[in-house]
Structures are given as C-alpha cells and as structure tokens.
PDB file of N, CA and C in Angstrom:
ATOM      1  N   MET A   1       1.565   6.633  -0.552  1.00  0.00           N
ATOM      2  CA  MET A   1       2.460   5.562  -0.132  1.00  0.00           C
ATOM      3  C   MET A   1       2.369   5.308   1.365  1.00  0.00           C
ATOM      4  N   LEU A   2       2.078   6.346   2.139  1.00  0.00           N
ATOM      5  CA  LEU A   2       2.001   6.172   3.586  1.00  0.00           C
ATOM      6  C   LEU A   2       0.706   5.504   4.029  1.00  0.00           C
ATOM      7  N   TYR A   3      -0.367   5.692   3.263  1.00  0.00           N
ATOM      8  CA  TYR A   3      -1.659   5.138   3.670  1.00  0.00           C
ATOM      9  C   TYR A   3      -1.647   3.616   3.772  1.00  0.00           C
ATOM     10  N   PRO A   4      -1.159   2.875   2.752  1.00  0.00           N
ATOM     11  CA  PRO A   4      -1.128   1.406   2.900  1.00  0.00           C
ATOM     12  C   PRO A   4      -0.224   0.945   4.042  1.00  0.00           C
ATOM     13  N   LEU A   5       0.873   1.647   4.257  1.00  0.00           N
ATOM     14  CA  LEU A   5       1.769   1.308   5.355  1.00  0.00           C
ATOM     15  C   LEU A   5       1.073   1.502   6.694  1.00  0.00           C
ATOM     16  N   ALA A   6       0.387   2.631   6.845  1.00  0.00           N
ATOM     17  CA  ALA A   6      -0.324   2.908   8.094  1.00  0.00           C
ATOM     18  C   ALA A   6      -1.426   1.888   8.341  1.00  0.00           C
ATOM     19  N   LEU A   7      -2.167   1.572   7.309  1.00  0.00           N
ATOM     20  CA  LEU A   7      -3.248   0.605   7.451  1.00  0.00           C
ATOM     21  C   LEU A   7      -2.712  -0.778   7.794  1.00  0.00           C
ATOM     22  N   GLY A   8      -1.637  -1.196   7.137  1.00  0.00           N
ATOM     23  CA  GLY A   8      -1.048  -2.507   7.413  1.00  0.00           C
ATOM     24  C   GLY A   8      -0.495  -2.607   8.821  1.00  0.00           C
ATOM     25  N   LEU A   9       0.206  -1.570   9.272  1.00  0.00           N
ATOM     26  CA  LEU A   9       0.743  -1.583  10.637  1.00  0.00           C
ATOM     27  C   LEU A   9      -0.371  -1.626  11.670  1.00  0.00           C
ATOM     28  N   PHE A  10      -1.415  -0.834  11.441  1.00  0.00           N
ATOM     29  CA  PHE A  10      -2.502  -0.789  12.406  1.00  0.00           C
ATOM     30  C   PHE A  10      -3.229  -2.124  12.486  1.00  0.00           C
ATOM     31  N   ILE A  11      -3.498  -2.729  11.340  1.00  0.00           N
ATOM     32  CA  ILE A  11      -4.190  -4.024  11.329  1.00  0.00           C
ATOM     33  C   ILE A  11      -3.321  -5.098  11.965  1.00  0.00           C
ATOM     34  N   LEU A  12      -2.022  -5.090  11.683  1.00  0.00           N
ATOM     35  CA  LEU A  12      -1.115  -6.062  12.292  1.00  0.00           C
ATOM     36  C   LEU A  12      -1.111  -5.931  13.813  1.00  0.00           C
ATOM     37  N   GLY A  13      -1.049  -4.715  14.308  1.00  0.00           N
ATOM     38  CA  GLY A  13      -1.081  -4.499  15.751  1.00  0.00           C
ATOM     39  C   GLY A  13      -2.406  -4.889  16.366  1.00  0.00           C
ATOM     40  N   LEU A  14      -3.494  -4.631  15.665  1.00  0.00           N
ATOM     41  CA  LEU A  14      -4.812  -4.996  16.163  1.00  0.00           C
ATOM     42  C   LEU A  14      -4.983  -6.507  16.244  1.00  0.00           C
ATOM     43  N   VAL A  15      -4.523  -7.208  15.223  1.00  0.00           N
ATOM     44  CA  VAL A  15      -4.604  -8.675  15.234  1.00  0.00           C
ATOM     45  C   VAL A  15      -3.737  -9.250  16.349  1.00  0.00           C
ATOM     46  N   ALA A  16      -2.556  -8.690  16.545  1.00  0.00           N
ATOM     47  CA  ALA A  16      -1.685  -9.176  17.616  1.00  0.00           C
ATOM     48  C   ALA A  16      -2.325  -8.952  18.977  1.00  0.00           C
ATOM     49  N   THR A  17      -2.990  -7.828  19.157  1.00  0.00           N
ATOM     50  CA  THR A  17      -3.673  -7.558  20.421  1.00  0.00           C
ATOM     51  C   THR A  17      -4.807  -8.553  20.658  1.00  0.00           C
ATOM     52  N   ILE A  18      -5.568  -8.855  19.628  1.00  0.00           N
ATOM     53  CA  ILE A  18      -6.654  -9.825  19.748  1.00  0.00           C
ATOM     54  C   ILE A  18      -6.098 -11.204  20.072  1.00  0.00           C
ATOM     55  N   VAL A  19      -4.991 -11.575  19.448  1.00  0.00           N
ATOM     56  CA  VAL A  19      -4.375 -12.873  19.721  1.00  0.00           C
ATOM     57  C   VAL A  19      -3.880 -12.940  21.171  1.00  0.00           C
ATOM     58  N   ILE A  20      -3.313 -11.860  21.681  1.00  0.00           N
ATOM     59  CA  ILE A  20      -2.849 -11.837  23.066  1.00  0.00           C
ATOM     60  C   ILE A  20      -4.019 -12.085  24.015  1.00  0.00           C
ATOM     61  N   PHE A  21      -5.128 -11.371  23.807  1.00  0.00           N
ATOM     62  CA  PHE A  21      -6.288 -11.578  24.667  1.00  0.00           C
ATOM     63  C   PHE A  21      -6.863 -12.976  24.497  1.00  0.00           C
ATOM     64  N   GLY A  22      -6.860 -13.490  23.282  1.00  0.00           N
ATOM     65  CA  GLY A  22      -7.355 -14.850  23.055  1.00  0.00           C
ATOM     66  C   GLY A  22      -6.515 -15.889  23.766  1.00  0.00           C
ATOM     67  N   LEU A  23      -5.210 -15.734  23.733  1.00  0.00           N
ATOM     68  CA  LEU A  23      -4.337 -16.675  24.428  1.00  0.00           C
ATOM     69  C   LEU A  23      -4.538 -16.611  25.937  1.00  0.00           C
ATOM     70  N   LEU A  24      -4.742 -15.419  26.454  1.00  0.00           N
ATOM     71  CA  LEU A  24      -4.967 -15.286  27.889  1.00  0.00           C
ATOM     72  C   LEU A  24      -6.312 -15.881  28.307  1.00  0.00           C
ATOM     73  N   ILE A  25      -7.312 -15.759  27.452  1.00  0.00           N
ATOM     74  CA  ILE A  25      -8.617 -16.349  27.751  1.00  0.00           C
ATOM     75  C   ILE A  25      -8.535 -17.869  27.771  1.00  0.00           C
ATOM     76  N   PHE A  26      -7.778 -18.443  26.834  1.00  0.00           N
ATOM     77  CA  PHE A  26      -7.683 -19.897  26.753  1.00  0.00           C
ATOM     78  C   PHE A  26      -6.641 -20.490  27.682  1.00  0.00           C
ATOM     79  N   GLY A  27      -6.019 -19.689  28.516  1.00  0.00           N
ATOM     80  CA  GLY A  27      -5.189 -20.213  29.578  1.00  0.00           C
ATOM     81  C   GLY A  27      -3.704 -20.314  29.296  1.00  0.00           C
ATOM     82  N   VAL A  28      -3.235 -19.761  28.203  1.00  0.00           N
ATOM     83  CA  VAL A  28      -1.791 -19.739  27.972  1.00  0.00           C
ATOM     84  C   VAL A  28      -1.208 -18.724  28.945  1.00  0.00           C
ATOM     85  N   SER A  29      -0.240 -19.155  29.743  1.00  0.00           N
ATOM     86  CA  SER A  29       0.217 -18.319  30.842  1.00  0.00           C
ATOM     87  C   SER A  29       0.933 -17.055  30.373  1.00  0.00           C
ATOM     88  N   GLN A  30       1.817 -17.176  29.417  1.00  0.00           N
ATOM     89  CA  GLN A  30       2.608 -16.021  29.004  1.00  0.00           C
ATOM     90  C   GLN A  30       2.844 -16.065  27.499  1.00  0.00           C
ATOM     91  N   PRO A  31       2.176 -15.189  26.728  1.00  0.00           N
ATOM     92  CA  PRO A  31       2.483 -15.122  25.294  1.00  0.00           C
ATOM     93  C   PRO A  31       3.920 -14.638  25.087  1.00  0.00           C
ATOM     94  N   GLY A  32       4.479 -14.956  23.944  1.00  0.00           N
ATOM     95  CA  GLY A  32       5.857 -14.576  23.664  1.00  0.00           C
ATOM     96  C   GLY A  32       6.047 -13.076  23.565  1.00  0.00           C
ATOM     97  N   PRO A  33       7.257 -12.615  23.852  1.00  0.00           N
ATOM     98  CA  PRO A  33       7.511 -11.169  23.769  1.00  0.00           C
ATOM     99  C   PRO A  33       7.381 -10.627  22.343  1.00  0.00           C
ATOM    100  N   TRP A  34       7.567 -11.460  21.344  1.00  0.00           N
ATOM    101  CA  TRP A  34       7.416 -11.014  19.964  1.00  0.00           C
ATOM    102  C   TRP A  34       5.976 -10.597  19.693  1.00  0.00           C
ATOM    103  N   LEU A  35       5.026 -11.220  20.397  1.00  0.00           N
ATOM    104  CA  LEU A  35       3.623 -10.862  20.209  1.00  0.00           C
ATOM    105  C   LEU A  35       3.336  -9.474  20.788  1.00  0.00           C
ATOM    106  N   TYR A  36       3.974  -9.168  21.909  1.00  0.00           N
ATOM    107  CA  TYR A  36       3.826  -7.834  22.487  1.00  0.00           C
ATOM    108  C   TYR A  36       4.476  -6.779  21.591  1.00  0.00           C
ATOM    109  N   LEU A  37       5.579  -7.131  20.967  1.00  0.00           N
ATOM    110  CA  LEU A  37       6.228  -6.187  20.047  1.00  0.00           C
ATOM    111  C   LEU A  37       5.372  -5.955  18.801  1.00  0.00           C
ATOM    112  N   LEU A  38       4.716  -7.014  18.326  1.00  0.00           N
ATOM    113  CA  LEU A  38       3.823  -6.836  17.179  1.00  0.00           C
ATOM    114  C   LEU A  38       2.617  -5.982  17.551  1.00  0.00           C
ATOM    115  N   ALA A  39       2.171  -6.073  18.791  1.00  0.00           N
ATOM    116  CA  ALA A  39       1.029  -5.259  19.227  1.00  0.00           C
ATOM    117  C   ALA A  39       1.384  -3.774  19.210  1.00  0.00           C
ATOM    118  N   MET A  40       2.659  -3.456  19.327  1.00  0.00           N
ATOM    119  CA  MET A  40       3.073  -2.055  19.285  1.00  0.00           C
ATOM    120  C   MET A  40       2.993  -1.466  17.874  1.00  0.00           C
ATOM    121  N   CYS A  41       2.675  -2.278  16.896  1.00  0.00           N
ATOM    122  CA  CYS A  41       2.498  -1.765  15.533  1.00  0.00           C
ATOM    123  C   CYS A  41       1.213  -0.949  15.405  1.00  0.00           C
ATOM    124  N   ALA A  42       0.227  -1.202  16.277  1.00  0.00           N
ATOM    125  CA  ALA A  42      -1.035  -0.454  16.190  1.00  0.00           C
ATOM    126  C   ALA A  42      -0.830   1.039  16.440  1.00  0.00           C
ATOM    127  N   PRO A  43      -0.177   1.440  17.536  1.00  0.00           N
ATOM    128  CA  PRO A  43       0.034   2.884  17.691  1.00  0.00           C
ATOM    129  C   PRO A  43       0.981   3.458  16.645  1.00  0.00           C
ATOM    130  N   ALA A  44       1.938   2.661  16.189  1.00  0.00           N
ATOM    131  CA  ALA A  44       2.836   3.146  15.137  1.00  0.00           C
ATOM    132  C   ALA A  44       2.050   3.399  13.848  1.00  0.00           C
ATOM    133  N   GLY A  45       1.134   2.494  13.527  1.00  0.00           N
ATOM    134  CA  GLY A  45       0.287   2.686  12.358  1.00  0.00           C
ATOM    135  C   GLY A  45      -0.612   3.899  12.491  1.00  0.00           C
ATOM    136  N   PHE A  46      -1.090   4.142  13.712  1.00  0.00           N
ATOM    137  CA  PHE A  46      -1.912   5.322  13.959  1.00  0.00           C
ATOM    138  C   PHE A  46      -1.113   6.601  13.726  1.00  0.00           C
ATOM    139  N   VAL A  47       0.112   6.622  14.200  1.00  0.00           N
ATOM    140  CA  VAL A  47       0.961   7.810  14.018  1.00  0.00           C
ATOM    141  C   VAL A  47       1.283   8.033  12.544  1.00  0.00           C
ATOM    142  N   VAL A  48       1.600   6.952  11.826  1.00  0.00           N
ATOM    143  CA  VAL A  48       1.889   7.084  10.392  1.00  0.00           C
ATOM    144  C   VAL A  48       0.643   7.569   9.650  1.00  0.00           C
ATOM    145  N   GLY A  49      -0.525   7.074  10.041  1.00  0.00           N
ATOM    146  CA  GLY A  49      -1.772   7.537   9.433  1.00  0.00           C
ATOM    147  C   GLY A  49      -2.040   9.000   9.720  1.00  0.00           C
ATOM    148  N   LEU A  50      -1.715   9.437  10.922  1.00  0.00           N
ATOM    149  CA  LEU A  50      -1.876  10.838  11.269  1.00  0.00           C
ATOM    150  C   LEU A  50      -0.940  11.721  10.451  1.00  0.00           C
ATOM    151  N   VAL A  51       0.298  11.277  10.279  1.00  0.00           N
ATOM    152  CA  VAL A  51       1.253  12.017   9.445  1.00  0.00           C
ATOM    153  C   VAL A  51       0.752  12.079   8.001  1.00  0.00           C
ATOM    154  N   TYR A  52       0.213  10.980   7.500  1.00  0.00           N
ATOM    155  CA  TYR A  52      -0.330  10.960   6.144  1.00  0.00           C
ATOM    156  C   TYR A  52      -1.498  11.934   6.014  1.00  0.00           C
ATOM    157  N   ALA A  53      -2.397  11.926   7.001  1.00  0.00           N
ATOM    158  CA  ALA A  53      -3.576  12.803   6.927  1.00  0.00           C
ATOM    159  C   ALA A  53      -3.163  14.267   6.969  1.00  0.00           C
ATOM    160  N   LEU A  54      -2.204  14.589   7.803  1.00  0.00           N
ATOM    161  CA  LEU A  54      -1.770  15.985   7.901  1.00  0.00           C
ATOM    162  C   LEU A  54      -0.984  16.432   6.667  1.00  0.00           C
ATOM    163  N   SER A  55      -0.203  15.522   6.098  1.00  0.00           N
ATOM    164  CA  SER A  55       0.591  15.920   4.933  1.00  0.00           C
ATOM    165  C   SER A  55      -0.212  15.945   3.643  1.00  0.00           C
ATOM    166  N   SER A  56      -1.316  15.217   3.585  1.00  0.00           N
ATOM    167  CA  SER A  56      -2.097  15.208   2.350  1.00  0.00           C
ATOM    168  C   SER A  56      -3.286  16.140   2.410  1.00  0.00           C
ATOM    169  N   GLY A  57      -3.412  16.912   3.472  1.00  0.00           N
ATOM    170  CA  GLY A  57      -4.517  17.851   3.594  1.00  0.00           C
ATOM    171  C   GLY A  57      -4.377  19.017   2.637  1.00  0.00           C
ATOM    172  N   ARG A  58      -5.407  19.823   2.568  1.00  0.00           N
ATOM    173  CA  ARG A  58      -5.388  20.990   1.682  1.00  0.00           C
ATOM    174  C   ARG A  58      -4.430  22.035   2.208  1.00  0.00           C
ATOM    175  N   ARG A  59      -3.768  22.677   1.299  1.00  0.00           N
ATOM    176  CA  ARG A  59      -2.852  23.758   1.643  1.00  0.00           C
ATOM    177  C   ARG A  59      -3.633  25.081   1.659  1.00  0.00           C
ATOM    178  N   THR A  60      -3.247  25.966   2.540  1.00  0.00           N
ATOM    179  CA  THR A  60      -3.888  27.278   2.554  1.00  0.00           C
ATOM    180  C   THR A  60      -3.237  28.183   1.516  1.00  0.00           C
ATOM    181  N   ARG A  61      -4.012  29.115   1.000  1.00  0.00           N
ATOM    182  CA  ARG A  61      -3.488  30.036  -0.023  1.00  0.00           C
ATOM    183  C   ARG A  61      -2.898  31.259   0.594  1.00  0.00           C
TER     184      ARG A  61
END
C-alpha cells in the first residue's frame, strides 16, 4: 500500500519541480506558492518509499 503512495508523491513533486523550472525559463516572474508546496511532495515520496523498503525487507532469524 505504501509503494503506490510513494511513487505518486515522488512523481507529483518531480513534475512540479520541472514546471517551476519551465516557468522560470519562459519568463514567468514568480510561480505560485502552491507549486512550491507541490514540489515538496518529492522528498516526502522518497521518505515514504524508504519506509516501505525498510518495512518490507527480509526479517532476520
């Protein structure tokens, strides 16, 4: 259940980051703050993915 959430958050943050750079390249002076908040989904997705990887790993005997 955590894997799709992590992947979705990371992709959403990555797309928002690309859009921010694209807007700056095309001369938009200041992207909206909501776009910066969406960009913060990338590290959140990374953390959720890390939690998923650690929790689904093999257990020691």
